[in-house]
Amino acid sequence: MSILEITILAVSVCLDSFAVSISSGMVHCAHPLRHALRLGICFALFQTVMPILGWLAGMQMKAVIEGVDHWIAFGLLFAIGAKMIIESRHAHPEKPVTKKCSTRMLCGMGLATSIDALVIGITFAFVNTTILPAVAIIGGMTFLFAFTGVYLGKKLGVLFKKMVTIIGGALLICMGFEILIEHLMLSR
């Protein structure tokens, strides 16, 4: 694959991370620089490691991963989104919606947004792509998109105030359904 093809692929792979970053920035904006760095680094690490794991798995794991990747991504995004919505219903009106994003939640979001990158890594094994430059581009693009997404989400959060957590959770759930539907429709 050419550098241009890998860059286009990297942008498409990191769009899920970008959307989740916007949602997270809406909710977790007490320390935006710190949160943007944590999220960007976490998402970039997942988006870098998962294609390497996929590349290593190659042909042996393709059928198994292809069959369940959409269910894993759906389950993780749905669970995180539902948790955000449930938490918003139990929040006291006088408490701010912003809070620290736990490491567990951060890793869950990172894993959920990188399942497709695992499958792309398998594709890299089939088309003889040099893995290190490819994952460096994917990781770098993911960091930039996630970092920017947090700040965009912070700006949107100021506009929506009380509905921030519900909107963020709903976006994650919708993204999970979109991934599930897309894969189920393509498998027909």
N, C-alpha and C. Protein backbone atom coordinates (compact mmCIF):
# COMPACT_ATOMS: atom_id res chain seq x y z
N MET A 1 0.85 -1.18 0.00
CA MET A 1 0.00 0.00 0.00
C MET A 1 0.89 1.24 0.00
N SER A 2 0.42 2.26 -0.70
CA SER A 2 1.16 3.52 -0.74
C SER A 2 0.91 4.33 0.53
N ILE A 3 1.73 5.32 0.76
CA ILE A 3 1.58 6.21 1.92
C ILE A 3 0.22 6.91 1.86
N LEU A 4 -0.19 7.33 0.68
CA LEU A 4 -1.49 7.99 0.52
C LEU A 4 -2.63 7.04 0.89
N GLU A 5 -2.55 5.81 0.42
CA GLU A 5 -3.59 4.82 0.76
C GLU A 5 -3.63 4.55 2.26
N ILE A 6 -2.48 4.43 2.88
CA ILE A 6 -2.42 4.19 4.32
C ILE A 6 -2.97 5.40 5.08
N THR A 7 -2.66 6.62 4.61
CA THR A 7 -3.17 7.83 5.26
C THR A 7 -4.69 7.90 5.17
N ILE A 8 -5.24 7.60 4.00
CA ILE A 8 -6.70 7.59 3.85
C ILE A 8 -7.31 6.53 4.76
N LEU A 9 -6.69 5.37 4.81
CA LEU A 9 -7.16 4.31 5.69
C LEU A 9 -7.08 4.75 7.15
N ALA A 10 -6.00 5.42 7.52
CA ALA A 10 -5.82 5.90 8.90
C ALA A 10 -6.92 6.88 9.29
N VAL A 11 -7.26 7.78 8.39
CA VAL A 11 -8.32 8.75 8.68
C VAL A 11 -9.64 8.02 8.88
N SER A 12 -9.95 7.07 8.02
CA SER A 12 -11.22 6.36 8.17
C SER A 12 -11.27 5.53 9.44
N VAL A 13 -10.12 4.94 9.83
CA VAL A 13 -10.08 4.13 11.04
C VAL A 13 -10.23 5.00 12.29
N CYS A 14 -9.68 6.20 12.27
CA CYS A 14 -9.70 7.02 13.49
C CYS A 14 -10.96 7.87 13.62
N LEU A 15 -11.88 7.80 12.68
CA LEU A 15 -13.12 8.58 12.81
C LEU A 15 -13.96 8.12 14.00
N ASP A 16 -13.96 6.83 14.30
CA ASP A 16 -14.67 6.35 15.49
C ASP A 16 -14.05 6.97 16.75
N SER A 17 -12.73 6.99 16.80
CA SER A 17 -12.04 7.60 17.94
C SER A 17 -12.38 9.09 18.05
N PHE A 18 -12.48 9.75 16.92
CA PHE A 18 -12.82 11.17 16.90
C PHE A 18 -14.21 11.40 17.48
N ALA A 19 -15.18 10.59 17.06
CA ALA A 19 -16.55 10.74 17.57
C ALA A 19 -16.62 10.46 19.07
N VAL A 20 -15.92 9.43 19.53
CA VAL A 20 -15.90 9.12 20.96
C VAL A 20 -15.20 10.24 21.73
N SER A 21 -14.15 10.81 21.16
CA SER A 21 -13.44 11.91 21.80
C SER A 21 -14.33 13.14 21.97
N ILE A 22 -15.14 13.41 20.97
CA ILE A 22 -16.08 14.52 21.08
C ILE A 22 -17.05 14.26 22.23
N SER A 23 -17.60 13.06 22.28
CA SER A 23 -18.52 12.70 23.37
C SER A 23 -17.83 12.81 24.73
N SER A 24 -16.61 12.30 24.80
CA SER A 24 -15.88 12.34 26.06
C SER A 24 -15.53 13.76 26.46
N GLY A 25 -15.17 14.59 25.50
CA GLY A 25 -14.87 15.99 25.78
C GLY A 25 -16.07 16.75 26.30
N MET A 26 -17.26 16.34 25.86
CA MET A 26 -18.49 16.97 26.33
C MET A 26 -18.71 16.69 27.82
N VAL A 27 -18.33 15.50 28.25
CA VAL A 27 -18.60 15.07 29.62
C VAL A 27 -17.43 15.33 30.55
N HIS A 28 -16.23 15.02 30.11
CA HIS A 28 -15.04 15.07 30.97
C HIS A 28 -14.18 16.26 30.60
N CYS A 29 -14.64 17.46 30.93
CA CYS A 29 -13.89 18.64 30.48
C CYS A 29 -13.36 19.49 31.63
N ALA A 30 -13.18 18.90 32.81
CA ALA A 30 -12.64 19.66 33.93
C ALA A 30 -11.19 20.10 33.66
N HIS A 31 -10.39 19.22 33.09
CA HIS A 31 -8.99 19.51 32.74
C HIS A 31 -8.79 19.10 31.28
N PRO A 32 -9.20 19.94 30.33
CA PRO A 32 -9.23 19.51 28.92
C PRO A 32 -7.87 19.11 28.35
N LEU A 33 -6.80 19.81 28.68
CA LEU A 33 -5.50 19.45 28.13
C LEU A 33 -5.08 18.07 28.62
N ARG A 34 -5.19 17.85 29.92
CA ARG A 34 -4.83 16.55 30.50
C ARG A 34 -5.69 15.44 29.91
N HIS A 35 -7.00 15.70 29.82
CA HIS A 35 -7.90 14.68 29.29
C HIS A 35 -7.62 14.42 27.81
N ALA A 36 -7.37 15.48 27.04
CA ALA A 36 -7.08 15.32 25.62
C ALA A 36 -5.80 14.50 25.42
N LEU A 37 -4.79 14.75 26.24
CA LEU A 37 -3.54 13.99 26.16
C LEU A 37 -3.76 12.52 26.54
N ARG A 38 -4.47 12.29 27.65
CA ARG A 38 -4.75 10.91 28.08
C ARG A 38 -5.52 10.15 27.01
N LEU A 39 -6.58 10.77 26.51
CA LEU A 39 -7.43 10.12 25.52
C LEU A 39 -6.65 9.91 24.22
N GLY A 40 -5.94 10.94 23.76
CA GLY A 40 -5.17 10.82 22.53
C GLY A 40 -4.12 9.73 22.60
N ILE A 41 -3.40 9.68 23.71
CA ILE A 41 -2.36 8.66 23.88
C ILE A 41 -2.99 7.27 23.97
N CYS A 42 -4.04 7.13 24.76
CA CYS A 42 -4.70 5.82 24.91
C CYS A 42 -5.25 5.33 23.57
N PHE A 43 -5.99 6.18 22.88
CA PHE A 43 -6.58 5.77 21.60
C PHE A 43 -5.49 5.47 20.58
N ALA A 44 -4.42 6.29 20.55
CA ALA A 44 -3.33 6.06 19.61
C ALA A 44 -2.63 4.73 19.91
N LEU A 45 -2.44 4.43 21.19
CA LEU A 45 -1.81 3.15 21.55
C LEU A 45 -2.67 1.97 21.09
N PHE A 46 -3.97 2.03 21.37
CA PHE A 46 -4.86 0.95 20.94
C PHE A 46 -4.86 0.84 19.41
N GLN A 47 -4.94 1.99 18.71
CA GLN A 47 -5.00 1.97 17.25
C GLN A 47 -3.66 1.57 16.64
N THR A 48 -2.58 1.60 17.41
CA THR A 48 -1.28 1.17 16.94
C THR A 48 -1.06 -0.31 17.23
N VAL A 49 -1.42 -0.73 18.43
CA VAL A 49 -1.19 -2.11 18.84
C VAL A 49 -2.15 -3.09 18.14
N MET A 50 -3.40 -2.70 17.99
CA MET A 50 -4.38 -3.63 17.41
C MET A 50 -4.03 -4.05 15.97
N PRO A 51 -3.62 -3.13 15.08
CA PRO A 51 -3.22 -3.61 13.75
C PRO A 51 -2.00 -4.54 13.79
N ILE A 52 -1.10 -4.28 14.74
CA ILE A 52 0.07 -5.17 14.87
C ILE A 52 -0.39 -6.56 15.28
N LEU A 53 -1.32 -6.62 16.25
CA LEU A 53 -1.85 -7.92 16.67
C LEU A 53 -2.59 -8.60 15.51
N GLY A 54 -3.36 -7.84 14.77
CA GLY A 54 -4.05 -8.39 13.61
C GLY A 54 -3.08 -8.89 12.56
N TRP A 55 -2.04 -8.11 12.33
CA TRP A 55 -1.02 -8.48 11.36
C TRP A 55 -0.35 -9.79 11.79
N LEU A 56 -0.07 -9.92 13.09
CA LEU A 56 0.55 -11.14 13.60
C LEU A 56 -0.40 -12.33 13.50
N ALA A 57 -1.66 -12.09 13.73
CA ALA A 57 -2.65 -13.18 13.66
C ALA A 57 -2.83 -13.68 12.23
N GLY A 58 -2.81 -12.72 11.28
CA GLY A 58 -2.88 -13.07 9.87
C GLY A 58 -4.05 -13.95 9.49
N MET A 59 -3.78 -14.92 8.66
CA MET A 59 -4.81 -15.78 8.08
C MET A 59 -5.50 -16.66 9.12
N GLN A 60 -4.79 -17.08 10.16
CA GLN A 60 -5.36 -18.04 11.11
C GLN A 60 -6.59 -17.51 11.84
N MET A 61 -6.60 -16.23 12.17
CA MET A 61 -7.68 -15.68 12.98
C MET A 61 -8.73 -14.90 12.19
N LYS A 62 -8.56 -14.74 10.91
CA LYS A 62 -9.44 -13.88 10.12
C LYS A 62 -10.91 -14.24 10.27
N ALA A 63 -11.26 -15.48 10.11
CA ALA A 63 -12.67 -15.88 10.16
C ALA A 63 -13.29 -15.63 11.54
N VAL A 64 -12.54 -15.88 12.59
CA VAL A 64 -13.07 -15.68 13.95
C VAL A 64 -13.29 -14.21 14.25
N ILE A 65 -12.30 -13.38 13.95
CA ILE A 65 -12.39 -11.95 14.26
C ILE A 65 -13.45 -11.27 13.41
N GLU A 66 -13.48 -11.60 12.12
CA GLU A 66 -14.48 -10.99 11.23
C GLU A 66 -15.89 -11.30 11.69
N GLY A 67 -16.09 -12.45 12.26
CA GLY A 67 -17.42 -12.85 12.68
C GLY A 67 -17.92 -12.16 13.94
N VAL A 68 -17.02 -11.66 14.77
CA VAL A 68 -17.47 -11.08 16.05
C VAL A 68 -17.02 -9.65 16.30
N ASP A 69 -16.21 -9.07 15.42
CA ASP A 69 -15.68 -7.73 15.71
C ASP A 69 -16.79 -6.70 15.91
N HIS A 70 -17.82 -6.80 15.11
CA HIS A 70 -18.92 -5.83 15.22
C HIS A 70 -19.71 -6.02 16.52
N TRP A 71 -19.83 -7.25 16.99
CA TRP A 71 -20.54 -7.50 18.25
C TRP A 71 -19.73 -6.99 19.45
N ILE A 72 -18.43 -7.16 19.40
CA ILE A 72 -17.57 -6.67 20.48
C ILE A 72 -17.64 -5.14 20.54
N ALA A 73 -17.46 -4.49 19.39
CA ALA A 73 -17.51 -3.02 19.35
C ALA A 73 -18.88 -2.53 19.80
N PHE A 74 -19.95 -3.16 19.32
CA PHE A 74 -21.30 -2.77 19.72
C PHE A 74 -21.49 -2.91 21.23
N GLY A 75 -21.10 -4.05 21.78
CA GLY A 75 -21.28 -4.29 23.21
C GLY A 75 -20.53 -3.28 24.07
N LEU A 76 -19.29 -3.00 23.71
CA LEU A 76 -18.51 -2.04 24.49
C LEU A 76 -19.07 -0.63 24.39
N LEU A 77 -19.40 -0.19 23.17
CA LEU A 77 -19.95 1.16 23.01
C LEU A 77 -21.31 1.29 23.67
N PHE A 78 -22.15 0.27 23.55
CA PHE A 78 -23.46 0.30 24.18
C PHE A 78 -23.33 0.38 25.70
N ALA A 79 -22.45 -0.44 26.26
CA ALA A 79 -22.27 -0.47 27.72
C ALA A 79 -21.75 0.88 28.23
N ILE A 80 -20.78 1.45 27.57
CA ILE A 80 -20.24 2.74 28.00
C ILE A 80 -21.29 3.83 27.85
N GLY A 81 -22.00 3.84 26.72
CA GLY A 81 -23.04 4.85 26.49
C GLY A 81 -24.18 4.73 27.49
N ALA A 82 -24.63 3.49 27.75
CA ALA A 82 -25.71 3.28 28.72
C ALA A 82 -25.28 3.72 30.11
N LYS A 83 -24.03 3.42 30.47
CA LYS A 83 -23.52 3.84 31.78
C LYS A 83 -23.54 5.36 31.91
N MET A 84 -23.17 6.07 30.84
CA MET A 84 -23.18 7.53 30.87
C MET A 84 -24.60 8.06 31.05
N ILE A 85 -25.54 7.47 30.33
CA ILE A 85 -26.93 7.93 30.44
C ILE A 85 -27.50 7.63 31.82
N ILE A 86 -27.23 6.45 32.34
CA ILE A 86 -27.71 6.09 33.68
C ILE A 86 -27.11 7.02 34.72
N GLU A 87 -25.82 7.30 34.62
CA GLU A 87 -25.18 8.22 35.56
C GLU A 87 -25.79 9.62 35.48
N SER A 88 -26.18 10.05 34.30
CA SER A 88 -26.76 11.39 34.16
C SER A 88 -28.12 11.48 34.87
N ARG A 89 -28.83 10.39 34.91
CA ARG A 89 -30.15 10.38 35.55
C ARG A 89 -30.03 10.41 37.08
N HIS A 90 -28.92 9.91 37.59
CA HIS A 90 -28.71 9.89 39.04
C HIS A 90 -27.89 11.06 39.55
N ALA A 91 -27.43 11.90 38.63
CA ALA A 91 -26.62 13.06 39.03
C ALA A 91 -27.52 14.11 39.68
N HIS A 92 -27.00 14.76 40.67
CA HIS A 92 -27.73 15.84 41.33
C HIS A 92 -27.61 17.10 40.50
N PRO A 93 -28.67 17.87 40.37
CA PRO A 93 -28.63 19.06 39.52
C PRO A 93 -27.54 20.06 39.89
N GLU A 94 -27.20 20.14 41.17
CA GLU A 94 -26.20 21.12 41.57
C GLU A 94 -24.77 20.65 41.28
N LYS A 95 -24.60 19.35 41.03
CA LYS A 95 -23.27 18.83 40.73
C LYS A 95 -22.93 19.07 39.26
N PRO A 96 -21.69 19.45 38.99
CA PRO A 96 -21.32 19.60 37.59
C PRO A 96 -21.24 18.23 36.90
N VAL A 97 -21.46 18.23 35.60
CA VAL A 97 -21.44 16.98 34.84
C VAL A 97 -20.01 16.51 34.63
N THR A 98 -19.06 17.43 34.67
CA THR A 98 -17.67 17.07 34.41
C THR A 98 -17.11 16.25 35.55
N LYS A 99 -16.31 15.27 35.19
CA LYS A 99 -15.61 14.45 36.16
C LYS A 99 -14.43 13.80 35.46
N LYS A 100 -13.58 13.17 36.23
CA LYS A 100 -12.42 12.52 35.66
C LYS A 100 -12.85 11.22 34.97
N CYS A 101 -12.29 10.99 33.83
CA CYS A 101 -12.54 9.76 33.07
C CYS A 101 -11.64 8.67 33.67
N SER A 102 -12.24 7.60 34.16
CA SER A 102 -11.46 6.53 34.78
C SER A 102 -10.60 5.81 33.74
N THR A 103 -9.53 5.21 34.20
CA THR A 103 -8.64 4.46 33.32
C THR A 103 -9.40 3.30 32.70
N ARG A 104 -10.26 2.68 33.48
CA ARG A 104 -11.06 1.55 32.98
C ARG A 104 -11.97 2.00 31.82
N MET A 105 -12.64 3.14 32.00
CA MET A 105 -13.51 3.65 30.95
C MET A 105 -12.68 4.06 29.73
N LEU A 106 -11.54 4.67 29.97
CA LEU A 106 -10.66 5.10 28.89
C LEU A 106 -10.21 3.89 28.06
N CYS A 107 -9.79 2.84 28.72
CA CYS A 107 -9.35 1.63 28.01
C CYS A 107 -10.53 0.96 27.29
N GLY A 108 -11.71 0.97 27.89
CA GLY A 108 -12.89 0.42 27.22
C GLY A 108 -13.20 1.17 25.93
N MET A 109 -13.12 2.49 26.00
CA MET A 109 -13.36 3.29 24.80
C MET A 109 -12.26 3.04 23.76
N GLY A 110 -11.02 2.95 24.23
CA GLY A 110 -9.91 2.68 23.31
C GLY A 110 -10.05 1.34 22.61
N LEU A 111 -10.45 0.32 23.37
CA LEU A 111 -10.65 -1.00 22.79
C LEU A 111 -11.83 -0.99 21.81
N ALA A 112 -12.92 -0.38 22.21
CA ALA A 112 -14.11 -0.37 21.35
C ALA A 112 -13.85 0.32 20.02
N THR A 113 -13.06 1.37 20.04
CA THR A 113 -12.81 2.11 18.80
C THR A 113 -11.69 1.50 17.96
N SER A 114 -11.01 0.48 18.48
CA SER A 114 -9.88 -0.08 17.73
C SER A 114 -10.13 -1.49 17.22
N ILE A 115 -11.32 -2.02 17.39
CA ILE A 115 -11.61 -3.37 16.90
C ILE A 115 -11.42 -3.43 15.38
N ASP A 116 -11.89 -2.42 14.68
CA ASP A 116 -11.71 -2.40 13.22
C ASP A 116 -10.23 -2.37 12.84
N ALA A 117 -9.41 -1.73 13.66
CA ALA A 117 -7.98 -1.66 13.38
C ALA A 117 -7.34 -3.05 13.46
N LEU A 118 -7.88 -3.91 14.31
CA LEU A 118 -7.40 -5.29 14.39
C LEU A 118 -7.62 -6.00 13.06
N VAL A 119 -8.79 -5.83 12.50
CA VAL A 119 -9.11 -6.46 11.22
C VAL A 119 -8.26 -5.86 10.10
N ILE A 120 -8.02 -4.56 10.17
CA ILE A 120 -7.16 -3.92 9.16
C ILE A 120 -5.75 -4.49 9.23
N GLY A 121 -5.30 -4.79 10.44
CA GLY A 121 -3.99 -5.42 10.59
C GLY A 121 -3.92 -6.76 9.88
N ILE A 122 -5.00 -7.52 9.94
CA ILE A 122 -5.06 -8.78 9.21
C ILE A 122 -4.94 -8.52 7.71
N THR A 123 -5.63 -7.48 7.26
CA THR A 123 -5.56 -7.10 5.84
C THR A 123 -4.12 -6.74 5.45
N PHE A 124 -3.43 -6.04 6.33
CA PHE A 124 -2.04 -5.69 6.05
C PHE A 124 -1.20 -6.95 5.79
N ALA A 125 -1.49 -8.02 6.53
CA ALA A 125 -0.74 -9.26 6.33
C ALA A 125 -1.00 -9.83 4.94
N PHE A 126 -2.21 -9.66 4.43
CA PHE A 126 -2.56 -10.21 3.12
C PHE A 126 -1.99 -9.41 1.96
N VAL A 127 -1.84 -8.10 2.13
CA VAL A 127 -1.38 -7.26 1.02
C VAL A 127 0.10 -6.87 1.17
N ASN A 128 0.80 -7.56 2.06
CA ASN A 128 2.24 -7.35 2.25
C ASN A 128 2.61 -5.90 2.53
N THR A 129 1.88 -5.27 3.43
CA THR A 129 2.18 -3.90 3.83
C THR A 129 3.27 -3.92 4.90
N THR A 130 4.20 -3.00 4.81
CA THR A 130 5.21 -2.85 5.85
C THR A 130 4.50 -2.29 7.08
N ILE A 131 4.47 -3.04 8.14
CA ILE A 131 3.59 -2.76 9.28
C ILE A 131 4.00 -1.52 10.08
N LEU A 132 5.27 -1.31 10.33
CA LEU A 132 5.68 -0.21 11.22
C LEU A 132 5.32 1.18 10.68
N PRO A 133 5.60 1.51 9.42
CA PRO A 133 5.16 2.83 8.94
C PRO A 133 3.63 2.95 8.93
N ALA A 134 2.95 1.86 8.60
CA ALA A 134 1.48 1.90 8.55
C ALA A 134 0.89 2.20 9.93
N VAL A 135 1.36 1.51 10.97
CA VAL A 135 0.80 1.75 12.31
C VAL A 135 1.26 3.09 12.88
N ALA A 136 2.42 3.57 12.45
CA ALA A 136 2.86 4.90 12.90
C ALA A 136 1.92 5.98 12.36
N ILE A 137 1.52 5.84 11.10
CA ILE A 137 0.58 6.79 10.51
C ILE A 137 -0.78 6.69 11.19
N ILE A 138 -1.25 5.48 11.39
CA ILE A 138 -2.56 5.28 12.04
C ILE A 138 -2.53 5.84 13.46
N GLY A 139 -1.50 5.53 14.22
CA GLY A 139 -1.39 6.03 15.60
C GLY A 139 -1.30 7.54 15.66
N GLY A 140 -0.50 8.13 14.77
CA GLY A 140 -0.36 9.59 14.75
C GLY A 140 -1.66 10.29 14.39
N MET A 141 -2.34 9.79 13.38
CA MET A 141 -3.62 10.39 12.98
C MET A 141 -4.65 10.24 14.10
N THR A 142 -4.67 9.08 14.74
CA THR A 142 -5.62 8.86 15.83
C THR A 142 -5.37 9.83 16.97
N PHE A 143 -4.10 10.02 17.33
CA PHE A 143 -3.80 10.97 18.39
C PHE A 143 -4.32 12.36 18.04
N LEU A 144 -4.03 12.83 16.84
CA LEU A 144 -4.47 14.17 16.42
C LEU A 144 -6.00 14.30 16.44
N PHE A 145 -6.69 13.32 15.91
CA PHE A 145 -8.15 13.37 15.86
C PHE A 145 -8.75 13.30 17.27
N ALA A 146 -8.22 12.41 18.12
CA ALA A 146 -8.76 12.28 19.48
C ALA A 146 -8.49 13.54 20.30
N PHE A 147 -7.28 14.06 20.20
CA PHE A 147 -6.92 15.27 20.94
C PHE A 147 -7.84 16.43 20.53
N THR A 148 -8.02 16.62 19.23
CA THR A 148 -8.89 17.68 18.72
C THR A 148 -10.34 17.45 19.11
N GLY A 149 -10.77 16.19 19.08
CA GLY A 149 -12.15 15.86 19.43
C GLY A 149 -12.53 16.25 20.84
N VAL A 150 -11.61 16.10 21.78
CA VAL A 150 -11.88 16.48 23.18
C VAL A 150 -12.20 17.97 23.25
N TYR A 151 -11.42 18.79 22.58
CA TYR A 151 -11.65 20.24 22.62
C TYR A 151 -12.94 20.63 21.90
N LEU A 152 -13.24 19.95 20.80
CA LEU A 152 -14.50 20.21 20.12
C LEU A 152 -15.67 19.81 21.02
N GLY A 153 -15.56 18.69 21.68
CA GLY A 153 -16.59 18.25 22.62
C GLY A 153 -16.75 19.19 23.79
N LYS A 154 -15.65 19.75 24.27
CA LYS A 154 -15.71 20.71 25.38
C LYS A 154 -16.53 21.93 24.96
N LYS A 155 -16.29 22.42 23.75
CA LYS A 155 -17.04 23.59 23.25
C LYS A 155 -18.52 23.26 23.11
N LEU A 156 -18.82 22.08 22.60
CA LEU A 156 -20.22 21.67 22.46
C LEU A 156 -20.86 21.48 23.83
N GLY A 157 -20.08 20.98 24.80
CA GLY A 157 -20.60 20.76 26.14
C GLY A 157 -21.05 22.04 26.81
N VAL A 158 -20.34 23.12 26.56
CA VAL A 158 -20.72 24.42 27.13
C VAL A 158 -22.08 24.85 26.57
N LEU A 159 -22.34 24.53 25.33
CA LEU A 159 -23.61 24.92 24.71
C LEU A 159 -24.79 24.11 25.25
N PHE A 160 -24.58 22.82 25.52
CA PHE A 160 -25.69 21.94 25.89
C PHE A 160 -25.89 21.76 27.39
N LYS A 161 -24.90 22.06 28.19
CA LYS A 161 -24.91 21.98 29.64
C LYS A 161 -25.56 20.72 30.20
N LYS A 162 -26.85 20.73 30.60
CA LYS A 162 -27.47 19.62 31.32
C LYS A 162 -27.59 18.34 30.50
N MET A 163 -27.70 18.45 29.21
CA MET A 163 -27.91 17.28 28.37
C MET A 163 -26.60 16.62 27.91
N VAL A 164 -25.47 17.12 28.36
CA VAL A 164 -24.17 16.68 27.87
C VAL A 164 -23.98 15.17 28.02
N THR A 165 -24.20 14.63 29.20
CA THR A 165 -23.95 13.21 29.43
C THR A 165 -24.89 12.34 28.61
N ILE A 166 -26.16 12.74 28.53
CA ILE A 166 -27.13 11.97 27.76
C ILE A 166 -26.75 11.98 26.28
N ILE A 167 -26.38 13.13 25.75
CA ILE A 167 -26.00 13.23 24.34
C ILE A 167 -24.76 12.38 24.07
N GLY A 168 -23.77 12.48 24.94
CA GLY A 168 -22.54 11.69 24.76
C GLY A 168 -22.82 10.20 24.80
N GLY A 169 -23.62 9.76 25.76
CA GLY A 169 -23.98 8.34 25.86
C GLY A 169 -24.77 7.88 24.64
N ALA A 170 -25.71 8.72 24.21
CA ALA A 170 -26.52 8.38 23.03
C ALA A 170 -25.66 8.28 21.78
N LEU A 171 -24.66 9.16 21.65
CA LEU A 171 -23.76 9.08 20.49
C LEU A 171 -22.99 7.77 20.48
N LEU A 172 -22.52 7.34 21.65
CA LEU A 172 -21.79 6.07 21.72
C LEU A 172 -22.69 4.89 21.37
N ILE A 173 -23.91 4.90 21.89
CA ILE A 173 -24.85 3.82 21.59
C ILE A 173 -25.18 3.81 20.10
N CYS A 174 -25.43 4.97 19.52
CA CYS A 174 -25.73 5.06 18.08
C CYS A 174 -24.56 4.55 17.25
N MET A 175 -23.33 4.90 17.66
CA MET A 175 -22.17 4.43 16.94
C MET A 175 -22.07 2.91 17.03
N GLY A 176 -22.38 2.36 18.20
CA GLY A 176 -22.38 0.90 18.35
C GLY A 176 -23.39 0.24 17.42
N PHE A 177 -24.61 0.80 17.37
CA PHE A 177 -25.62 0.27 16.46
C PHE A 177 -25.19 0.42 15.01
N GLU A 178 -24.58 1.55 14.68
CA GLU A 178 -24.14 1.78 13.30
C GLU A 178 -23.11 0.74 12.89
N ILE A 179 -22.16 0.43 13.76
CA ILE A 179 -21.15 -0.58 13.48
C ILE A 179 -21.80 -1.94 13.30
N LEU A 180 -22.73 -2.28 14.19
CA LEU A 180 -23.42 -3.57 14.13
C LEU A 180 -24.22 -3.70 12.84
N ILE A 181 -25.02 -2.71 12.52
CA ILE A 181 -25.87 -2.75 11.33
C ILE A 181 -25.01 -2.80 10.06
N GLU A 182 -23.97 -1.98 10.02
CA GLU A 182 -23.09 -1.95 8.85
C GLU A 182 -22.50 -3.33 8.58
N HIS A 183 -22.00 -3.98 9.64
CA HIS A 183 -21.38 -5.30 9.45
C HIS A 183 -22.41 -6.38 9.13
N LEU A 184 -23.59 -6.31 9.75
CA LEU A 184 -24.62 -7.30 9.47
C LEU A 184 -25.14 -7.16 8.03
N MET A 185 -25.26 -5.92 7.55
CA MET A 185 -25.73 -5.69 6.18
C MET A 185 -24.67 -6.15 5.16
N LEU A 186 -23.40 -5.93 5.47
CA LEU A 186 -22.33 -6.34 4.56
C LEU A 186 -22.15 -7.84 4.51
N SER A 187 -22.54 -8.53 5.58
CA SER A 187 -22.35 -9.98 5.62
C SER A 187 -23.43 -10.74 4.85
N ARG A 188 -24.43 -10.05 4.36
CA ARG A 188 -25.50 -10.72 3.60
C ARG A 188 -25.10 -11.01 2.21
